[in-house]
Amino acid sequence: MRPGSEARQGLVLISPTLAYSLLLLAAPLATVVTFSFWTQNYLDIDTTLTLDNYRKAWGEPIYRILMGRSLLISLIVTAVTVLLAFPVAYFLSFHVRRRKAVWLFLITIPFWTSYLLRVFLWKVILGYNGVLNSARMGLGITDEPLTFLLYNMNAVVITLAHAWAPFAILPIFVALERIDRSLLEAAEDLGDGPLRRFFRVTLPLAMPGVIAATLIVLIPTVGDYITPRLVGGTDGLMIANMIQTQFSKANNAPLGAALAVSSMLIVAAVAIVIYAIGRRLGGRTQ
């Protein structure tokens, strides 16, 4: 077969995927970026290119506070989720000998229900008269309900950490499953104890899964809208809520687009830094 014919066949094979990506990914993103350089004049859009929206997005304190809070919440959620997911993935990989598929199936059970329903369930659990407060008062631990459980940043962190836990467990589990057990046996033969063996062999080899889990949790949680809306209150609102407000109630789509683009740039920068740190840590511990 001629090289030119092979190239044409390759283009034919990838063309549906390429068209799909351009239509559903690149085109909407390009539209949002273009909108961010325009101006909203009541019901009309002024297509004159300007940086005013970015000056507002980066200059006004309210937007900086919301972006900082969103990034902080996302980093906390990511840290909590990955730290709790690693022991679960480690247990499944190294201690479960039979029916691992059943255990993985059980981990995916939360996906059977709507994400919105799970958020409402946490609202019931953390509420002023919710399950947690009622249990504490019933056991005599407290005399009155706790007020700091709901409608603040804590509730957003708890809800998001629960929602994204399976997404962190699975990539870490896959990375742990790919570790050659003979390497651990060799480290043991050379005198390494369990802790030293974990930090010198297991963790470095599992680092790609840890990095993947970190990015999988970090990137979507920064732009979460439903969770802070339902359980965050005024102290738990995030940048996505402001973006939604600009597109709807404020009728200022260009400013909302500028906020969205700014969020994407910040998240991309943080993700690159985390990826670089993870790769370096993985290399140093080997």
C-alpha atoms as a PDB file:
ATOM      1  CA  MET A   1       0.000   0.000   0.000  1.00  0.00           C
ATOM      2  CA  ARG A   2       1.333   3.422  -0.904  1.00  0.00           C
ATOM      3  CA  PRO A   3       2.214   5.895   1.892  1.00  0.00           C
ATOM      4  CA  GLY A   4      -0.222   8.444   0.440  1.00  0.00           C
ATOM      5  CA  SER A   5      -3.044   5.899   0.521  1.00  0.00           C
ATOM      6  CA  GLU A   6      -2.253   5.027   4.144  1.00  0.00           C
ATOM      7  CA  ALA A   7      -2.304   8.711   5.074  1.00  0.00           C
ATOM      8  CA  ARG A   8      -5.688   9.182   3.415  1.00  0.00           C
ATOM      9  CA  GLN A   9      -7.105   6.170   5.229  1.00  0.00           C
ATOM     10  CA  GLY A  10      -5.776   7.548   8.507  1.00  0.00           C
ATOM     11  CA  LEU A  11      -7.446  10.893   7.848  1.00  0.00           C
ATOM     12  CA  VAL A  12     -10.721   9.138   7.030  1.00  0.00           C
ATOM     13  CA  LEU A  13     -10.547   7.212  10.302  1.00  0.00           C
ATOM     14  CA  ILE A  14      -9.861  10.238  12.501  1.00  0.00           C
ATOM     15  CA  SER A  15     -12.126  12.682  10.652  1.00  0.00           C
ATOM     16  CA  PRO A  16     -15.330  11.812  12.600  1.00  0.00           C
ATOM     17  CA  THR A  17     -13.527  12.225  15.920  1.00  0.00           C
ATOM     18  CA  LEU A  18     -11.874  15.413  14.727  1.00  0.00           C
ATOM     19  CA  ALA A  19     -15.189  16.840  13.533  1.00  0.00           C
ATOM     20  CA  TYR A  20     -16.827  15.881  16.820  1.00  0.00           C
ATOM     21  CA  SER A  21     -14.060  17.583  18.806  1.00  0.00           C
ATOM     22  CA  LEU A  22     -14.200  20.741  16.721  1.00  0.00           C
ATOM     23  CA  LEU A  23     -17.982  20.946  16.846  1.00  0.00           C
ATOM     24  CA  LEU A  24     -18.573  20.194  20.520  1.00  0.00           C
ATOM     25  CA  LEU A  25     -15.317  21.322  22.150  1.00  0.00           C
ATOM     26  CA  ALA A  26     -13.362  23.825  20.090  1.00  0.00           C
ATOM     27  CA  ALA A  27     -16.324  25.777  18.695  1.00  0.00           C
ATOM     28  CA  PRO A  28     -18.023  26.485  22.073  1.00  0.00           C
ATOM     29  CA  LEU A  29     -14.686  27.423  23.624  1.00  0.00           C
ATOM     30  CA  ALA A  30     -13.879  29.763  20.741  1.00  0.00           C
ATOM     31  CA  THR A  31     -17.338  31.328  21.111  1.00  0.00           C
ATOM     32  CA  VAL A  32     -16.809  31.979  24.831  1.00  0.00           C
ATOM     33  CA  VAL A  33     -13.368  33.496  24.208  1.00  0.00           C
ATOM     34  CA  THR A  34     -14.767  35.722  21.466  1.00  0.00           C
ATOM     35  CA  PHE A  35     -17.647  36.879  23.691  1.00  0.00           C
ATOM     36  CA  SER A  36     -15.191  37.850  26.413  1.00  0.00           C
ATOM     37  CA  PHE A  37     -13.773  40.613  24.188  1.00  0.00           C
ATOM     38  CA  TRP A  38     -17.183  42.140  23.397  1.00  0.00           C
ATOM     39  CA  THR A  39     -19.438  44.435  25.403  1.00  0.00           C
ATOM     40  CA  GLN A  40     -23.060  44.115  26.493  1.00  0.00           C
ATOM     41  CA  ASN A  41     -25.200  47.206  25.855  1.00  0.00           C
ATOM     42  CA  TYR A  42     -28.498  46.268  27.490  1.00  0.00           C
ATOM     43  CA  LEU A  43     -30.031  43.922  24.884  1.00  0.00           C
ATOM     44  CA  ASP A  44     -27.400  44.461  22.201  1.00  0.00           C
ATOM     45  CA  ILE A  45     -23.862  43.124  21.898  1.00  0.00           C
ATOM     46  CA  ASP A  46     -21.147  45.566  20.857  1.00  0.00           C
ATOM     47  CA  THR A  47     -18.625  43.508  18.893  1.00  0.00           C
ATOM     48  CA  THR A  48     -15.873  46.100  19.231  1.00  0.00           C
ATOM     49  CA  LEU A  49     -12.869  44.323  20.713  1.00  0.00           C
ATOM     50  CA  THR A  50     -12.040  45.490  24.233  1.00  0.00           C
ATOM     51  CA  LEU A  51     -10.290  44.321  27.393  1.00  0.00           C
ATOM     52  CA  ASP A  52     -12.759  46.011  29.752  1.00  0.00           C
ATOM     53  CA  ASN A  53     -14.298  42.705  30.807  1.00  0.00           C
ATOM     54  CA  TYR A  54     -10.919  41.318  31.832  1.00  0.00           C
ATOM     55  CA  ARG A  55     -10.106  44.510  33.709  1.00  0.00           C
ATOM     56  CA  LYS A  56     -13.297  44.035  35.702  1.00  0.00           C
ATOM     57  CA  ALA A  57     -12.717  40.306  36.154  1.00  0.00           C
ATOM     58  CA  TRP A  58      -9.219  40.823  37.530  1.00  0.00           C
ATOM     59  CA  GLY A  59      -9.685  44.243  39.096  1.00  0.00           C
ATOM     60  CA  GLU A  60     -12.877  44.127  41.147  1.00  0.00           C
ATOM     61  CA  PRO A  61     -12.491  42.588  44.629  1.00  0.00           C
ATOM     62  CA  ILE A  62     -15.684  40.507  44.487  1.00  0.00           C
ATOM     63  CA  TYR A  63     -14.427  38.488  41.540  1.00  0.00           C
ATOM     64  CA  ARG A  64     -10.980  37.976  43.067  1.00  0.00           C
ATOM     65  CA  ILE A  65     -12.567  36.791  46.323  1.00  0.00           C
ATOM     66  CA  LEU A  66     -14.815  34.317  44.540  1.00  0.00           C
ATOM     67  CA  MET A  67     -11.981  32.993  42.405  1.00  0.00           C
ATOM     68  CA  GLY A  68      -9.702  32.642  45.422  1.00  0.00           C
ATOM     69  CA  ARG A  69     -12.432  30.874  47.375  1.00  0.00           C
ATOM     70  CA  SER A  70     -13.176  28.554  44.445  1.00  0.00           C
ATOM     71  CA  LEU A  71      -9.514  27.634  44.102  1.00  0.00           C
ATOM     72  CA  LEU A  72      -9.142  27.114  47.853  1.00  0.00           C
ATOM     73  CA  ILE A  73     -12.229  24.896  48.046  1.00  0.00           C
ATOM     74  CA  SER A  74     -11.096  22.892  45.042  1.00  0.00           C
ATOM     75  CA  LEU A  75      -7.593  22.361  46.469  1.00  0.00           C
ATOM     76  CA  ILE A  76      -9.003  21.273  49.840  1.00  0.00           C
ATOM     77  CA  VAL A  77     -11.493  18.930  48.178  1.00  0.00           C
ATOM     78  CA  THR A  78      -8.737  17.489  45.998  1.00  0.00           C
ATOM     79  CA  ALA A  79      -6.392  16.924  48.949  1.00  0.00           C
ATOM     80  CA  VAL A  80      -9.095  15.335  51.103  1.00  0.00           C
ATOM     81  CA  THR A  81     -10.427  13.165  48.296  1.00  0.00           C
ATOM     82  CA  VAL A  82      -7.046  11.852  47.146  1.00  0.00           C
ATOM     83  CA  LEU A  83      -5.818  11.210  50.712  1.00  0.00           C
ATOM     84  CA  LEU A  84      -8.963   9.236  51.504  1.00  0.00           C
ATOM     85  CA  ALA A  85      -9.041   7.485  48.135  1.00  0.00           C
ATOM     86  CA  PHE A  86      -5.479   6.173  48.266  1.00  0.00           C
ATOM     87  CA  PRO A  87      -6.013   3.778  51.232  1.00  0.00           C
ATOM     88  CA  VAL A  88      -9.167   2.421  49.592  1.00  0.00           C
ATOM     89  CA  ALA A  89      -7.375   1.855  46.287  1.00  0.00           C
ATOM     90  CA  TYR A  90      -4.384   0.347  48.112  1.00  0.00           C
ATOM     91  CA  PHE A  91      -6.614  -2.050  50.010  1.00  0.00           C
ATOM     92  CA  LEU A  92      -8.361  -3.160  46.829  1.00  0.00           C
ATOM     93  CA  SER A  93      -5.123  -3.673  44.956  1.00  0.00           C
ATOM     94  CA  PHE A  94      -2.947  -5.338  47.583  1.00  0.00           C
ATOM     95  CA  HIS A  95      -5.319  -6.998  50.039  1.00  0.00           C
ATOM     96  CA  VAL A  96      -8.389  -8.047  48.055  1.00  0.00           C
ATOM     97  CA  ARG A  97      -7.528 -11.345  46.402  1.00  0.00           C
ATOM     98  CA  ARG A  98     -10.871 -12.394  44.989  1.00  0.00           C
ATOM     99  CA  ARG A  99     -13.781 -10.599  43.351  1.00  0.00           C
ATOM    100  CA  LYS A 100     -12.078  -7.260  42.843  1.00  0.00           C
ATOM    101  CA  ALA A 101     -14.643  -6.489  40.180  1.00  0.00           C
ATOM    102  CA  VAL A 102     -17.392  -6.720  42.796  1.00  0.00           C
ATOM    103  CA  TRP A 103     -15.588  -4.226  45.021  1.00  0.00           C
ATOM    104  CA  LEU A 104     -15.109  -1.837  42.117  1.00  0.00           C
ATOM    105  CA  PHE A 105     -18.763  -2.279  41.250  1.00  0.00           C
ATOM    106  CA  LEU A 106     -19.703  -1.281  44.811  1.00  0.00           C
ATOM    107  CA  ILE A 107     -17.563   1.854  44.530  1.00  0.00           C
ATOM    108  CA  THR A 108     -19.589   2.954  41.507  1.00  0.00           C
ATOM    109  CA  ILE A 109     -22.930   2.611  43.318  1.00  0.00           C
ATOM    110  CA  PRO A 110     -23.151   6.383  44.033  1.00  0.00           C
ATOM    111  CA  PHE A 111     -23.327   6.931  40.270  1.00  0.00           C
ATOM    112  CA  TRP A 112     -26.643   5.118  40.212  1.00  0.00           C
ATOM    113  CA  THR A 113     -28.350   8.138  41.709  1.00  0.00           C
ATOM    114  CA  SER A 114     -28.564  11.680  40.425  1.00  0.00           C
ATOM    115  CA  TYR A 115     -25.809  14.056  41.465  1.00  0.00           C
ATOM    116  CA  LEU A 116     -28.482  16.557  42.433  1.00  0.00           C
ATOM    117  CA  LEU A 117     -30.136  13.963  44.683  1.00  0.00           C
ATOM    118  CA  ARG A 118     -26.829  13.253  46.431  1.00  0.00           C
ATOM    119  CA  VAL A 119     -26.345  16.964  47.129  1.00  0.00           C
ATOM    120  CA  PHE A 120     -29.850  17.156  48.592  1.00  0.00           C
ATOM    121  CA  LEU A 121     -29.091  14.140  50.790  1.00  0.00           C
ATOM    122  CA  TRP A 122     -26.049  15.905  52.229  1.00  0.00           C
ATOM    123  CA  LYS A 123     -28.240  18.921  52.817  1.00  0.00           C
ATOM    124  CA  VAL A 124     -30.539  16.707  54.867  1.00  0.00           C
ATOM    125  CA  ILE A 125     -27.621  15.166  56.754  1.00  0.00           C
ATOM    126  CA  LEU A 126     -25.880  18.462  57.579  1.00  0.00           C
ATOM    127  CA  GLY A 127     -28.993  20.584  58.159  1.00  0.00           C
ATOM    128  CA  TYR A 128     -29.856  22.383  61.406  1.00  0.00           C
ATOM    129  CA  ASN A 129     -32.428  19.697  62.171  1.00  0.00           C
ATOM    130  CA  GLY A 130     -30.700  17.103  60.021  1.00  0.00           C
ATOM    131  CA  VAL A 131     -29.528  13.584  60.668  1.00  0.00           C
ATOM    132  CA  LEU A 132     -26.147  14.518  62.155  1.00  0.00           C
ATOM    133  CA  ASN A 133     -27.468  17.125  64.574  1.00  0.00           C
ATOM    134  CA  SER A 134     -30.376  14.914  65.596  1.00  0.00           C
ATOM    135  CA  ALA A 135     -28.014  12.010  66.310  1.00  0.00           C
ATOM    136  CA  ARG A 136     -25.659  14.165  68.360  1.00  0.00           C
ATOM    137  CA  MET A 137     -28.501  15.570  70.422  1.00  0.00           C
ATOM    138  CA  GLY A 138     -30.069  12.120  70.824  1.00  0.00           C
ATOM    139  CA  LEU A 139     -26.792  10.739  72.178  1.00  0.00           C
ATOM    140  CA  GLY A 140     -26.414  13.670  74.533  1.00  0.00           C
ATOM    141  CA  ILE A 141     -23.198  14.916  72.891  1.00  0.00           C
ATOM    142  CA  THR A 142     -24.629  18.423  72.413  1.00  0.00           C
ATOM    143  CA  ASP A 143     -27.602  20.264  73.826  1.00  0.00           C
ATOM    144  CA  GLU A 144     -28.376  22.247  70.692  1.00  0.00           C
ATOM    145  CA  PRO A 145     -27.806  21.781  66.952  1.00  0.00           C
ATOM    146  CA  LEU A 146     -24.521  22.821  65.405  1.00  0.00           C
ATOM    147  CA  THR A 147     -24.844  25.731  63.013  1.00  0.00           C
ATOM    148  CA  PHE A 148     -21.517  25.494  61.177  1.00  0.00           C
ATOM    149  CA  LEU A 149     -22.260  22.280  59.291  1.00  0.00           C
ATOM    150  CA  LEU A 150     -24.393  23.717  56.490  1.00  0.00           C
ATOM    151  CA  TYR A 151     -24.418  26.806  54.264  1.00  0.00           C
ATOM    152  CA  ASN A 152     -20.696  27.466  54.368  1.00  0.00           C
ATOM    153  CA  MET A 153     -17.444  26.290  52.809  1.00  0.00           C
ATOM    154  CA  ASN A 154     -17.326  23.203  55.039  1.00  0.00           C
ATOM    155  CA  ALA A 155     -20.531  21.824  53.553  1.00  0.00           C
ATOM    156  CA  VAL A 156     -19.265  22.398  50.020  1.00  0.00           C
ATOM    157  CA  VAL A 157     -16.001  20.569  50.766  1.00  0.00           C
ATOM    158  CA  ILE A 158     -17.759  17.582  52.359  1.00  0.00           C
ATOM    159  CA  THR A 159     -20.298  17.252  49.561  1.00  0.00           C
ATOM    160  CA  LEU A 160     -17.773  17.575  46.748  1.00  0.00           C
ATOM    161  CA  ALA A 161     -15.317  15.180  48.405  1.00  0.00           C
ATOM    162  CA  HIS A 162     -18.014  12.526  48.628  1.00  0.00           C
ATOM    163  CA  ALA A 163     -19.205  13.100  45.079  1.00  0.00           C
ATOM    164  CA  TRP A 164     -15.748  12.839  43.498  1.00  0.00           C
ATOM    165  CA  ALA A 165     -14.307  10.026  45.646  1.00  0.00           C
ATOM    166  CA  PRO A 166     -14.885   7.269  43.026  1.00  0.00           C
ATOM    167  CA  PHE A 167     -13.137   9.374  40.380  1.00  0.00           C
ATOM    168  CA  ALA A 168     -10.045   9.464  42.599  1.00  0.00           C
ATOM    169  CA  ILE A 169     -10.135   5.825  43.671  1.00  0.00           C
ATOM    170  CA  LEU A 170     -10.250   4.305  40.190  1.00  0.00           C
ATOM    171  CA  PRO A 171      -7.123   5.876  38.605  1.00  0.00           C
ATOM    172  CA  ILE A 172      -5.072   5.245  41.749  1.00  0.00           C
ATOM    173  CA  PHE A 173      -6.266   1.632  41.770  1.00  0.00           C
ATOM    174  CA  VAL A 174      -5.264   1.187  38.132  1.00  0.00           C
ATOM    175  CA  ALA A 175      -1.792   2.579  38.829  1.00  0.00           C
ATOM    176  CA  LEU A 176      -1.350   0.292  41.839  1.00  0.00           C
ATOM    177  CA  GLU A 177      -2.483  -2.739  39.846  1.00  0.00           C
ATOM    178  CA  ARG A 178       0.231  -2.073  37.266  1.00  0.00           C
ATOM    179  CA  ILE A 179       3.025  -2.245  39.867  1.00  0.00           C
ATOM    180  CA  ASP A 180       5.221  -5.309  39.428  1.00  0.00           C
ATOM    181  CA  ARG A 181       4.989  -7.162  42.753  1.00  0.00           C
ATOM    182  CA  SER A 182       8.460  -8.589  42.228  1.00  0.00           C
ATOM    183  CA  LEU A 183       9.860  -5.103  42.822  1.00  0.00           C
ATOM    184  CA  LEU A 184       8.298  -5.077  46.274  1.00  0.00           C
ATOM    185  CA  GLU A 185       9.701  -8.535  46.956  1.00  0.00           C
ATOM    186  CA  ALA A 186      13.155  -7.369  45.865  1.00  0.00           C
ATOM    187  CA  ALA A 187      12.936  -4.337  48.172  1.00  0.00           C
ATOM    188  CA  GLU A 188      11.950  -6.623  51.031  1.00  0.00           C
ATOM    189  CA  ASP A 189      14.855  -8.958  50.296  1.00  0.00           C
ATOM    190  CA  LEU A 190      17.198  -5.949  50.428  1.00  0.00           C
ATOM    191  CA  GLY A 191      16.009  -5.114  53.923  1.00  0.00           C
ATOM    192  CA  ASP A 192      13.353  -2.459  53.342  1.00  0.00           C
ATOM    193  CA  GLY A 193      10.546  -2.442  55.875  1.00  0.00           C
ATOM    194  CA  PRO A 194       6.889  -1.870  54.933  1.00  0.00           C
ATOM    195  CA  LEU A 195       7.049   1.918  55.365  1.00  0.00           C
ATOM    196  CA  ARG A 196      10.315   2.358  53.508  1.00  0.00           C
ATOM    197  CA  ARG A 197       9.110  -0.013  50.781  1.00  0.00           C
ATOM    198  CA  PHE A 198       5.951   2.033  50.390  1.00  0.00           C
ATOM    199  CA  PHE A 199       7.755   5.359  49.967  1.00  0.00           C
ATOM    200  CA  ARG A 200      10.568   4.019  47.791  1.00  0.00           C
ATOM    201  CA  VAL A 201       8.630   1.673  45.510  1.00  0.00           C
ATOM    202  CA  THR A 202       4.856   1.782  45.816  1.00  0.00           C
ATOM    203  CA  LEU A 203       4.246   5.530  45.988  1.00  0.00           C
ATOM    204  CA  PRO A 204       6.597   6.536  43.142  1.00  0.00           C
ATOM    205  CA  LEU A 205       5.128   3.910  40.832  1.00  0.00           C
ATOM    206  CA  ALA A 206       1.589   4.930  41.821  1.00  0.00           C
ATOM    207  CA  MET A 207       2.306   8.623  41.286  1.00  0.00           C
ATOM    208  CA  PRO A 208       0.812   8.711  37.741  1.00  0.00           C
ATOM    209  CA  GLY A 209      -2.487   7.532  39.224  1.00  0.00           C
ATOM    210  CA  VAL A 210      -2.248  10.077  42.038  1.00  0.00           C
ATOM    211  CA  ILE A 211      -1.584  12.878  39.554  1.00  0.00           C
ATOM    212  CA  ALA A 212      -4.482  11.733  37.374  1.00  0.00           C
ATOM    213  CA  ALA A 213      -6.817  11.585  40.382  1.00  0.00           C
ATOM    214  CA  THR A 214      -5.689  15.043  41.493  1.00  0.00           C
ATOM    215  CA  LEU A 215      -6.387  16.611  38.114  1.00  0.00           C
ATOM    216  CA  ILE A 216      -9.662  14.731  37.657  1.00  0.00           C
ATOM    217  CA  VAL A 217     -10.958  16.155  40.944  1.00  0.00           C
ATOM    218  CA  LEU A 218      -9.341  19.591  40.828  1.00  0.00           C
ATOM    219  CA  ILE A 219     -10.425  20.803  37.407  1.00  0.00           C
ATOM    220  CA  PRO A 220     -14.197  20.149  37.591  1.00  0.00           C
ATOM    221  CA  THR A 221     -14.661  21.183  41.221  1.00  0.00           C
ATOM    222  CA  VAL A 222     -13.405  24.722  40.585  1.00  0.00           C
ATOM    223  CA  GLY A 223     -16.317  25.246  38.211  1.00  0.00           C
ATOM    224  CA  ASP A 224     -18.967  23.436  40.240  1.00  0.00           C
ATOM    225  CA  TYR A 225     -22.231  25.356  40.383  1.00  0.00           C
ATOM    226  CA  ILE A 226     -24.885  23.109  41.934  1.00  0.00           C
ATOM    227  CA  THR A 227     -23.128  22.215  45.188  1.00  0.00           C
ATOM    228  CA  PRO A 228     -22.307  25.750  46.399  1.00  0.00           C
ATOM    229  CA  ARG A 229     -25.750  26.871  45.279  1.00  0.00           C
ATOM    230  CA  LEU A 230     -27.540  24.278  47.400  1.00  0.00           C
ATOM    231  CA  VAL A 231     -25.299  23.806  50.441  1.00  0.00           C
ATOM    232  CA  GLY A 232     -22.819  26.685  50.339  1.00  0.00           C
ATOM    233  CA  GLY A 233     -24.904  29.683  51.347  1.00  0.00           C
ATOM    234  CA  THR A 234     -23.369  33.145  50.997  1.00  0.00           C
ATOM    235  CA  ASP A 235     -20.051  31.992  52.473  1.00  0.00           C
ATOM    236  CA  GLY A 236     -19.739  29.043  50.117  1.00  0.00           C
ATOM    237  CA  LEU A 237     -20.552  30.563  46.744  1.00  0.00           C
ATOM    238  CA  MET A 238     -17.966  30.016  44.020  1.00  0.00           C
ATOM    239  CA  ILE A 239     -16.975  31.680  40.773  1.00  0.00           C
ATOM    240  CA  ALA A 240     -19.337  29.483  38.733  1.00  0.00           C
ATOM    241  CA  ASN A 241     -22.290  31.000  40.565  1.00  0.00           C
ATOM    242  CA  MET A 242     -21.146  34.480  39.574  1.00  0.00           C
ATOM    243  CA  ILE A 243     -20.658  33.380  35.969  1.00  0.00           C
ATOM    244  CA  GLN A 244     -24.205  32.015  35.912  1.00  0.00           C
ATOM    245  CA  THR A 245     -25.483  35.276  37.391  1.00  0.00           C
ATOM    246  CA  GLN A 246     -23.736  37.314  34.702  1.00  0.00           C
ATOM    247  CA  PHE A 247     -25.200  35.193  31.910  1.00  0.00           C
ATOM    248  CA  SER A 248     -28.743  35.255  33.313  1.00  0.00           C
ATOM    249  CA  LYS A 249     -29.833  37.836  35.860  1.00  0.00           C
ATOM    250  CA  ALA A 250     -27.172  40.482  35.135  1.00  0.00           C
ATOM    251  CA  ASN A 251     -27.578  40.046  31.364  1.00  0.00           C
ATOM    252  CA  ASN A 252     -23.836  40.538  30.842  1.00  0.00           C
ATOM    253  CA  ALA A 253     -22.651  37.548  28.847  1.00  0.00           C
ATOM    254  CA  PRO A 254     -19.292  39.123  27.849  1.00  0.00           C
ATOM    255  CA  LEU A 255     -18.308  39.653  31.492  1.00  0.00           C
ATOM    256  CA  GLY A 256     -19.446  36.131  32.325  1.00  0.00           C
ATOM    257  CA  ALA A 257     -17.335  34.838  29.429  1.00  0.00           C
ATOM    258  CA  ALA A 258     -14.314  36.802  30.675  1.00  0.00           C
ATOM    259  CA  LEU A 259     -14.758  35.300  34.139  1.00  0.00           C
ATOM    260  CA  ALA A 260     -15.033  31.827  32.612  1.00  0.00           C
ATOM    261  CA  VAL A 261     -11.899  32.271  30.499  1.00  0.00           C
ATOM    262  CA  SER A 262     -10.006  33.682  33.478  1.00  0.00           C
ATOM    263  CA  SER A 263     -11.056  30.690  35.556  1.00  0.00           C
ATOM    264  CA  MET A 264      -9.895  28.283  32.880  1.00  0.00           C
ATOM    265  CA  LEU A 265      -6.502  29.997  32.642  1.00  0.00           C
ATOM    266  CA  ILE A 266      -5.987  29.938  36.410  1.00  0.00           C
ATOM    267  CA  VAL A 267      -7.034  26.305  36.690  1.00  0.00           C
ATOM    268  CA  ALA A 268      -4.781  25.358  33.768  1.00  0.00           C
ATOM    269  CA  ALA A 269      -1.818  27.084  35.437  1.00  0.00           C
ATOM    270  CA  VAL A 270      -2.475  25.366  38.768  1.00  0.00           C
ATOM    271  CA  ALA A 271      -2.922  21.996  37.048  1.00  0.00           C
ATOM    272  CA  ILE A 272       0.413  22.384  35.234  1.00  0.00           C
ATOM    273  CA  VAL A 273       2.163  23.248  38.504  1.00  0.00           C
ATOM    274  CA  ILE A 274       0.610  20.241  40.290  1.00  0.00           C
ATOM    275  CA  TYR A 275       1.545  17.962  37.417  1.00  0.00           C
ATOM    276  CA  ALA A 276       5.146  19.193  37.457  1.00  0.00           C
ATOM    277  CA  ILE A 277       5.397  18.814  41.246  1.00  0.00           C
ATOM    278  CA  GLY A 278       3.898  15.325  41.094  1.00  0.00           C
ATOM    279  CA  ARG A 279       6.326  14.231  38.395  1.00  0.00           C
ATOM    280  CA  ARG A 280       9.266  15.620  40.342  1.00  0.00           C
ATOM    281  CA  LEU A 281       8.199  13.980  43.585  1.00  0.00           C
ATOM    282  CA  GLY A 282       7.678  10.703  41.808  1.00  0.00           C
ATOM    283  CA  GLY A 283      11.164  10.901  40.298  1.00  0.00           C
ATOM    284  CA  ARG A 284      12.864  11.860  43.555  1.00  0.00           C
ATOM    285  CA  THR A 285      11.318   9.084  45.604  1.00  0.00           C
ATOM    286  CA  GLN A 286      12.411   6.372  43.216  1.00  0.00           C
END
